[in-house]
Protein backbone atom coordinates (compact mmCIF):
# COMPACT_ATOMS: atom_id res chain seq x y z
CA MET A 1 -176.77 62.96 -40.81
CA PHE A 2 -175.62 66.31 -39.46
CA ARG A 3 -177.71 68.22 -36.98
CA PHE A 4 -177.52 71.26 -34.79
CA GLY A 5 -176.40 70.48 -31.28
CA PHE A 6 -178.90 72.83 -29.62
CA ALA A 7 -182.30 71.19 -29.92
CA ASP A 8 -183.88 68.24 -31.64
CA PRO A 9 -186.12 69.24 -34.60
CA LYS A 10 -188.98 67.27 -32.98
CA GLY A 11 -188.85 69.60 -30.01
CA GLU A 12 -187.00 67.35 -27.55
CA PRO A 13 -184.19 69.15 -25.71
CA ALA A 14 -180.68 68.28 -26.80
CA GLU A 15 -178.25 66.78 -24.36
CA PRO A 16 -176.23 69.66 -22.87
CA ALA A 17 -172.79 70.01 -24.37
CA ALA A 18 -170.04 69.45 -21.85
CA PRO A 19 -166.62 71.06 -22.22
CA SER A 20 -164.10 68.70 -23.77
CA ASP A 21 -161.82 67.01 -21.29
CA GLY A 22 -159.45 65.77 -23.98
CA PRO A 23 -156.06 67.26 -24.81
CA GLY A 24 -155.53 70.28 -27.03
CA GLU A 25 -157.22 73.63 -27.35
CA ALA A 26 -160.92 72.77 -27.22
CA SER A 27 -161.38 72.72 -23.44
CA ALA A 28 -160.45 76.41 -23.09
CA GLU A 29 -161.75 77.83 -26.36
CA HIS A 30 -165.13 78.90 -25.00
CA ILE A 31 -163.61 81.15 -22.32
CA GLY A 32 -163.10 84.85 -23.06
CA ALA A 33 -161.63 86.27 -26.24
CA GLU A 34 -158.08 86.73 -27.48
CA GLU A 35 -156.06 87.78 -30.49
CA VAL A 36 -154.36 84.88 -32.24
CA PRO A 37 -151.07 85.56 -34.08
CA ASP A 38 -150.78 84.17 -37.58
CA SER A 39 -147.52 82.52 -36.54
CA GLU A 40 -149.73 79.80 -35.01
CA SER A 41 -150.99 78.74 -38.44
CA LYS A 42 -151.14 74.96 -38.85
CA PRO A 43 -151.55 73.66 -42.44
CA THR A 44 -154.14 70.94 -43.00
CA GLY A 45 -153.16 70.16 -46.60
CA ALA A 46 -156.31 69.58 -48.65
CA GLN A 47 -157.68 72.52 -50.66
CA GLU A 48 -160.41 73.26 -53.18
CA THR A 49 -161.63 76.28 -55.13
CA ALA A 50 -164.86 78.24 -54.64
CA VAL A 51 -166.07 80.34 -57.56
CA ILE A 52 -167.21 83.71 -56.20
CA SER A 53 -167.61 85.77 -59.38
CA PRO A 54 -166.42 85.67 -63.00
CA GLU A 55 -163.33 87.58 -61.86
CA LEU A 56 -162.67 85.89 -58.55
CA SER A 57 -162.23 82.34 -57.30
CA LEU A 58 -161.03 81.66 -53.77
CA ILE A 59 -158.86 78.83 -52.48
CA LYS A 60 -160.31 77.22 -49.36
CA GLY A 61 -159.12 74.45 -47.11
CA VAL A 62 -160.94 71.17 -46.68
CA VAL A 63 -161.27 69.71 -43.19
CA SER A 64 -163.17 66.43 -42.93
CA ASN A 65 -165.61 65.70 -40.12
CA ALA A 66 -163.15 63.21 -38.66
CA GLN A 67 -160.34 65.77 -38.82
CA ALA A 68 -162.52 68.39 -37.13
CA ALA A 69 -163.41 65.97 -34.32
CA ASN A 70 -159.73 65.15 -33.86
CA ILE A 71 -158.63 68.80 -33.88
CA LEU A 72 -161.26 69.71 -31.28
CA SER A 73 -160.72 66.51 -29.25
CA ASP A 74 -164.45 65.81 -29.27
CA GLU A 75 -165.92 62.86 -31.18
CA ARG A 76 -169.38 64.48 -31.21
CA VAL A 77 -168.13 66.98 -33.79
CA GLU A 78 -168.04 64.17 -36.36
CA GLU A 79 -171.85 64.06 -36.31
CA ASN A 80 -172.84 67.59 -35.27
CA ASP A 81 -172.47 70.87 -37.12
CA LEU A 82 -172.86 72.89 -33.91
CA ILE A 83 -172.35 71.98 -30.26
CA ALA A 84 -173.17 74.68 -27.74
CA GLY A 85 -170.12 75.79 -25.80
CA VAL A 86 -167.77 73.62 -27.84
CA TYR A 87 -168.00 74.12 -31.60
CA GLU A 88 -169.72 76.70 -33.78
CA GLY A 89 -169.47 74.99 -37.17
CA GLY A 90 -166.39 76.83 -38.42
CA PHE A 91 -164.94 73.91 -40.38
CA LYS A 92 -168.10 73.55 -42.50
CA THR A 93 -168.73 75.56 -45.66
CA TRP A 94 -172.15 77.10 -45.08
CA GLU A 95 -174.37 78.31 -47.92
CA GLY A 96 -174.66 81.76 -46.32
CA GLY A 97 -170.89 82.26 -46.39
CA LEU A 98 -170.84 81.71 -50.14
CA ASP A 99 -173.93 83.92 -50.58
CA LEU A 100 -172.29 86.78 -48.71
CA ALA A 101 -168.94 86.44 -50.49
CA GLN A 102 -170.73 86.54 -53.85
CA PHE A 103 -172.82 89.52 -52.77
CA VAL A 104 -169.75 91.49 -51.66
CA ALA A 105 -167.99 90.65 -54.94
CA LEU A 106 -171.05 91.88 -56.83
CA GLN A 107 -170.84 95.21 -55.02
CA LEU A 108 -167.21 95.51 -56.06
CA ASP A 109 -168.15 94.81 -59.67
CA THR A 110 -170.88 97.46 -59.42
CA GLN A 111 -168.36 100.00 -58.09
CA ARG A 112 -165.97 99.36 -60.93
CA ALA A 113 -168.71 99.58 -63.54
CA ALA A 114 -169.97 102.84 -62.04
CA GLY A 115 -166.45 104.23 -62.15
CA GLN A 116 -166.06 103.39 -65.82
CA GLN A 117 -169.29 104.94 -67.07
CA ALA A 118 -171.72 107.69 -66.17
CA GLN A 119 -174.40 106.81 -63.67
CA PRO A 120 -177.66 105.97 -65.52
CA ALA A 121 -180.33 108.52 -64.78
CA GLU A 122 -182.92 105.84 -64.06
CA ALA A 123 -180.77 104.26 -61.33
CA GLY A 124 -181.85 106.95 -58.90
CA GLU A 125 -180.00 109.04 -56.35
CA GLN A 126 -180.42 106.57 -53.49
CA GLU A 127 -178.80 103.71 -55.43
CA HIS A 128 -175.96 106.02 -56.45
CA GLN A 129 -175.34 107.00 -52.82
CA GLU A 130 -175.33 103.34 -51.74
CA GLN A 131 -172.74 102.53 -54.41
CA GLN A 132 -170.54 105.35 -53.16
CA GLN A 133 -170.95 104.06 -49.60
CA TRP A 134 -169.85 100.58 -50.69
CA ALA A 135 -166.74 102.11 -52.24
CA ALA A 136 -165.77 103.64 -48.91
CA GLN A 137 -166.43 100.42 -46.97
CA LEU A 138 -164.67 97.92 -49.22
CA GLY A 139 -161.64 99.71 -50.61
CA PRO A 140 -158.11 100.33 -49.33
CA GLY A 141 -158.07 102.27 -46.07
CA SER A 142 -161.24 100.66 -44.75
CA ARG A 143 -161.41 98.19 -41.86
CA VAL A 144 -163.66 95.13 -42.01
CA MET A 145 -164.61 92.55 -39.37
CA GLU A 146 -166.01 89.11 -40.18
CA LEU A 147 -167.72 87.56 -37.16
CA GLY A 148 -168.06 83.78 -36.98
CA CYS A 149 -165.78 83.59 -39.98
CA GLY A 150 -164.93 79.89 -40.37
CA HIS A 151 -163.46 79.72 -43.88
CA GLY A 152 -163.61 83.52 -44.06
CA LEU A 153 -164.81 83.72 -47.66
CA PRO A 154 -166.64 87.09 -47.34
CA GLY A 155 -163.66 88.55 -45.50
CA LEU A 156 -161.32 87.25 -48.19
CA VAL A 157 -163.27 89.18 -50.82
CA ALA A 158 -162.81 92.35 -48.74
CA LEU A 159 -159.11 91.55 -48.33
CA TRP A 160 -158.85 91.07 -52.10
CA ALA A 161 -160.32 94.57 -52.47
CA GLY A 162 -157.54 96.00 -50.32
CA ALA A 163 -159.34 96.43 -47.00
CA GLU A 164 -157.81 95.62 -43.62
CA VAL A 165 -159.76 92.56 -42.49
CA HIS A 166 -160.10 91.04 -39.04
CA PHE A 167 -161.41 87.48 -38.78
CA GLN A 168 -163.21 86.24 -35.65
CA ASP A 169 -164.27 82.71 -34.83
CA TYR A 170 -165.39 81.01 -31.64
CA ASN A 171 -162.82 78.24 -32.04
CA ARG A 172 -159.15 79.16 -32.00
CA SER A 173 -158.30 75.98 -33.89
CA VAL A 174 -160.62 76.96 -36.75
CA LEU A 175 -158.54 80.11 -37.18
CA THR A 176 -155.16 78.37 -36.95
CA THR A 177 -155.92 75.34 -39.14
CA LEU A 178 -158.36 76.84 -41.66
CA THR A 179 -158.85 80.61 -41.80
CA MET A 180 -155.16 81.51 -41.69
CA GLN A 181 -154.43 78.90 -44.33
CA ASN A 182 -157.10 80.33 -46.61
CA VAL A 183 -155.70 83.84 -46.23
CA ALA A 184 -152.13 82.68 -46.94
CA ALA A 185 -153.11 80.54 -49.94
CA ASN A 186 -155.14 83.28 -51.58
CA ARG A 187 -152.55 85.97 -50.96
CA SER A 188 -149.97 83.76 -52.61
CA ALA A 189 -152.24 83.18 -55.61
CA TRP A 190 -153.03 86.89 -55.91
CA ALA A 191 -149.34 87.80 -55.79
CA SER A 192 -148.57 85.27 -58.52
CA ARG A 193 -151.36 86.57 -60.76
CA SER A 194 -150.31 90.17 -60.17
CA ALA A 195 -146.70 89.39 -61.05
CA TRP A 196 -147.77 87.55 -64.22
CA ALA A 197 -150.07 90.43 -65.25
CA SER A 198 -147.23 92.90 -64.72
CA HIS A 199 -144.92 90.73 -66.82
CA ARG A 200 -147.42 90.47 -69.69
CA GLN A 201 -148.19 94.20 -69.60
CA ALA A 202 -144.50 95.10 -69.60
CA ALA A 203 -143.82 92.76 -72.52
CA ALA A 204 -146.70 94.17 -74.57
CA ALA A 205 -146.23 97.85 -73.71
CA PRO A 206 -144.28 100.23 -75.97
CA SER A 207 -140.91 101.22 -74.58
CA SER A 208 -142.25 104.69 -73.76
CA GLU A 209 -144.64 103.29 -71.16
CA THR A 210 -143.48 103.29 -67.59
CA GLY A 211 -143.42 100.55 -65.02
CA ALA A 212 -146.19 102.38 -63.21
CA ALA A 213 -148.55 101.67 -66.09
CA ALA A 214 -147.78 97.98 -65.91
CA SER A 215 -148.35 97.98 -62.15
CA ALA A 216 -151.71 99.69 -62.62
CA ALA A 217 -152.75 97.06 -65.14
CA ALA A 218 -151.75 94.31 -62.75
CA ALA A 219 -153.78 95.84 -59.94
CA SER A 220 -156.81 96.10 -62.21
CA SER A 221 -156.53 92.47 -63.31
CA SER A 222 -156.18 90.99 -59.84
CA GLY A 223 -158.16 93.35 -57.62
CA GLU A 224 -156.77 96.05 -55.36
CA GLN A 225 -155.31 93.59 -52.88
CA SER A 226 -151.67 93.44 -51.80
CA ASP A 227 -149.57 91.88 -49.08
CA ALA A 228 -149.80 95.26 -47.34
CA ALA A 229 -153.51 94.65 -46.58
CA VAL A 230 -153.65 93.65 -42.91
CA ALA A 231 -155.33 90.48 -41.63
CA ARG A 232 -155.78 89.86 -37.89
CA TYR A 233 -157.49 87.05 -36.01
CA PHE A 234 -159.60 86.87 -32.84
CA ALA A 235 -160.88 83.78 -31.06
CA GLY A 236 -163.53 83.38 -28.39
CA SER A 237 -167.11 84.34 -27.64
CA TRP A 238 -169.02 87.29 -29.01
CA ASP A 239 -169.88 88.34 -25.46
CA ALA A 240 -166.18 88.69 -24.62
CA LEU A 241 -165.16 90.34 -27.89
CA PRO A 242 -166.17 93.95 -27.05
CA GLY A 243 -163.88 93.98 -24.03
CA LEU A 244 -160.96 92.68 -26.09
CA LEU A 245 -161.55 95.24 -28.84
CA GLU A 246 -161.64 98.01 -26.25
CA GLU A 247 -158.30 96.85 -24.84
CA LEU A 248 -156.78 96.85 -28.32
CA GLY A 249 -158.22 100.23 -29.28
CA LEU A 250 -160.43 98.67 -31.97
CA GLN A 251 -163.90 99.15 -30.51
CA HIS A 252 -166.20 101.13 -32.85
CA SER A 253 -163.51 101.20 -35.56
CA TYR A 254 -164.97 99.00 -38.31
CA ASP A 255 -166.45 100.42 -41.49
CA LEU A 256 -168.05 97.16 -42.54
CA LEU A 257 -169.03 94.03 -40.63
CA LEU A 258 -169.70 90.72 -42.36
CA THR A 259 -171.30 87.65 -40.82
CA ALA A 260 -173.01 84.54 -42.18
CA GLU A 261 -175.13 81.77 -40.64
CA THR A 262 -174.72 83.27 -37.17
CA ILE A 263 -178.31 84.07 -36.15
CA TYR A 264 -179.38 80.42 -35.80
CA SER A 265 -180.81 80.83 -32.29
CA LEU A 266 -182.31 83.64 -30.23
CA GLU A 267 -179.47 83.50 -27.73
CA ALA A 268 -176.83 83.54 -30.46
CA MET A 269 -178.34 86.51 -32.26
CA ARG A 270 -178.49 88.61 -29.10
CA SER A 271 -174.78 88.02 -28.44
CA LEU A 272 -173.98 88.65 -32.08
CA TYR A 273 -175.90 91.92 -32.14
CA ARG A 274 -174.07 93.18 -29.07
CA ALA A 275 -170.79 92.39 -30.80
CA ILE A 276 -171.94 94.14 -33.98
CA LYS A 277 -172.69 97.32 -32.04
CA ALA A 278 -169.27 97.17 -30.39
CA CYS A 279 -167.55 96.82 -33.76
CA LEU A 280 -169.20 99.34 -36.07
CA ARG A 281 -167.98 102.88 -36.50
CA PRO A 282 -170.65 105.24 -35.09
CA GLY A 283 -172.71 107.04 -37.71
CA SER A 284 -171.27 105.26 -40.75
CA GLY A 285 -170.50 101.58 -40.09
CA VAL A 286 -172.64 99.05 -41.94
CA ALA A 287 -173.21 95.33 -41.33
CA LEU A 288 -174.21 92.60 -43.77
CA VAL A 289 -175.83 89.51 -42.26
CA ALA A 290 -176.39 86.40 -44.39
CA ALA A 291 -178.71 83.78 -42.95
CA LYS A 292 -181.55 81.38 -43.55
CA SER A 293 -185.03 82.78 -43.16
CA TYR A 294 -185.64 80.24 -40.41
CA TYR A 295 -183.52 77.68 -38.57
CA PHE A 296 -185.78 74.77 -37.75
CA GLY A 297 -185.49 73.42 -34.23
CA VAL A 298 -183.41 76.27 -32.82
CA GLY A 299 -185.69 79.28 -33.33
CA GLY A 300 -183.39 81.72 -35.10
CA GLY A 301 -183.80 83.36 -38.48
CA THR A 302 -183.99 86.65 -40.31
CA ALA A 303 -187.44 87.73 -39.05
CA ALA A 304 -186.44 87.34 -35.39
CA PHE A 305 -183.16 89.14 -35.97
CA THR A 306 -184.82 91.99 -37.86
CA LYS A 307 -187.27 92.40 -34.98
CA LEU A 308 -184.39 92.50 -32.47
CA VAL A 309 -182.53 95.19 -34.42
CA ARG A 310 -185.56 97.37 -35.05
CA GLU A 311 -186.68 97.22 -31.43
CA ASP A 312 -183.23 98.41 -30.37
CA GLY A 313 -183.69 101.48 -32.56
CA ARG A 314 -180.04 102.14 -33.47
CA PHE A 315 -179.94 100.61 -36.93
CA SER A 316 -182.22 100.07 -39.86
CA CYS A 317 -182.42 96.45 -40.97
CA GLU A 318 -183.38 95.84 -44.58
CA GLN A 319 -183.37 92.81 -46.85
CA VAL A 320 -180.98 93.38 -49.77
CA ALA A 321 -180.91 89.89 -51.34
CA VAL A 322 -182.96 86.69 -51.38
CA ILE A 323 -181.55 83.31 -52.44
CA ASN A 324 -183.96 80.50 -53.33
CA ASP A 325 -181.79 77.90 -55.07
CA GLY A 326 -183.09 74.74 -53.43
CA ALA A 327 -179.83 74.06 -51.59
CA SER A 328 -181.61 74.86 -48.31
CA ASN A 329 -184.68 76.73 -47.16
CA LYS A 330 -184.84 80.36 -48.28
CA ARG A 331 -181.78 82.45 -47.50
CA GLU A 332 -181.44 86.22 -47.20
CA ILE A 333 -178.88 88.97 -46.80
CA LEU A 334 -179.77 91.78 -44.42
CA ARG A 335 -178.14 95.19 -44.33
CA LEU A 336 -177.83 97.11 -41.05
CA ALA A 337 -177.16 100.84 -41.34
CA PRO A 338 -177.08 103.49 -38.58
CA LEU A 339 -180.23 105.50 -38.08
CA PRO A 340 -179.96 109.30 -37.82
CA ALA A 341 -179.33 110.43 -34.25
């Protein structure tokens, strides 16, 4: 049975996690933050497909518990989803990651539908403005950060839409053996579908149609993504991330921040919130946080996080989706938006 490595559900304190003394990357992963080049990608082999929307399925790697323990040189990982100071659960597919990916895809579908037909009068001005804001945050030319990415499914949806996406995870090895592989596999699949759509459109089009028309049809059928959309990777702690972003000229440069299953404890959510504030573009940047309403045994959850954000007074924090599918306790998606100065 998997459990969180922070506290026992019965209230007994968990045994403190010691840094790994085995070989490999794990012993240094919890120190600082760094950018990781995609040249360090290490294929793991096994893959499966996650259905995100009727128009989009994503390829994702499969790393077994035994593989994760071996990669991190820590046998405890085979029986623990999270170990403080060692492993933050990046190899696991969490429900919140799927929730958030599906929610982002839904926003993209809403944008496209709004662009194809007049806005219904009953939808209201506020909803219309929010749709326009989504268009700016998810399309080409926007920059997106996914914190605690693991598989990176929400970030992959943004990448599919044409945004520049930066993926951050506590464990460097999660990025090199999983996230980078997911990005590469999906880019390859998107390129293949785009080429096939272009071929079919060109074959069906009258001779008077130009190649540009075929290219437009291909883009419509496979999203706005292209190999030109940038993906970058950052490893390390949320506390160290703001300093790294400042060094790289990326602090306060993100239009949209995505994060899932990252507010599991009070300590974690405080670090996460500091990182969110360091990432978002002042006055316009928005964050989406997917999480369980309550994490038993570790004290985190959406109510505690909402309280933290509202007490800080810089962002509104509103619930935009609720998921009650029986797969876990109730899950939510929260939206953080800057408050007027």
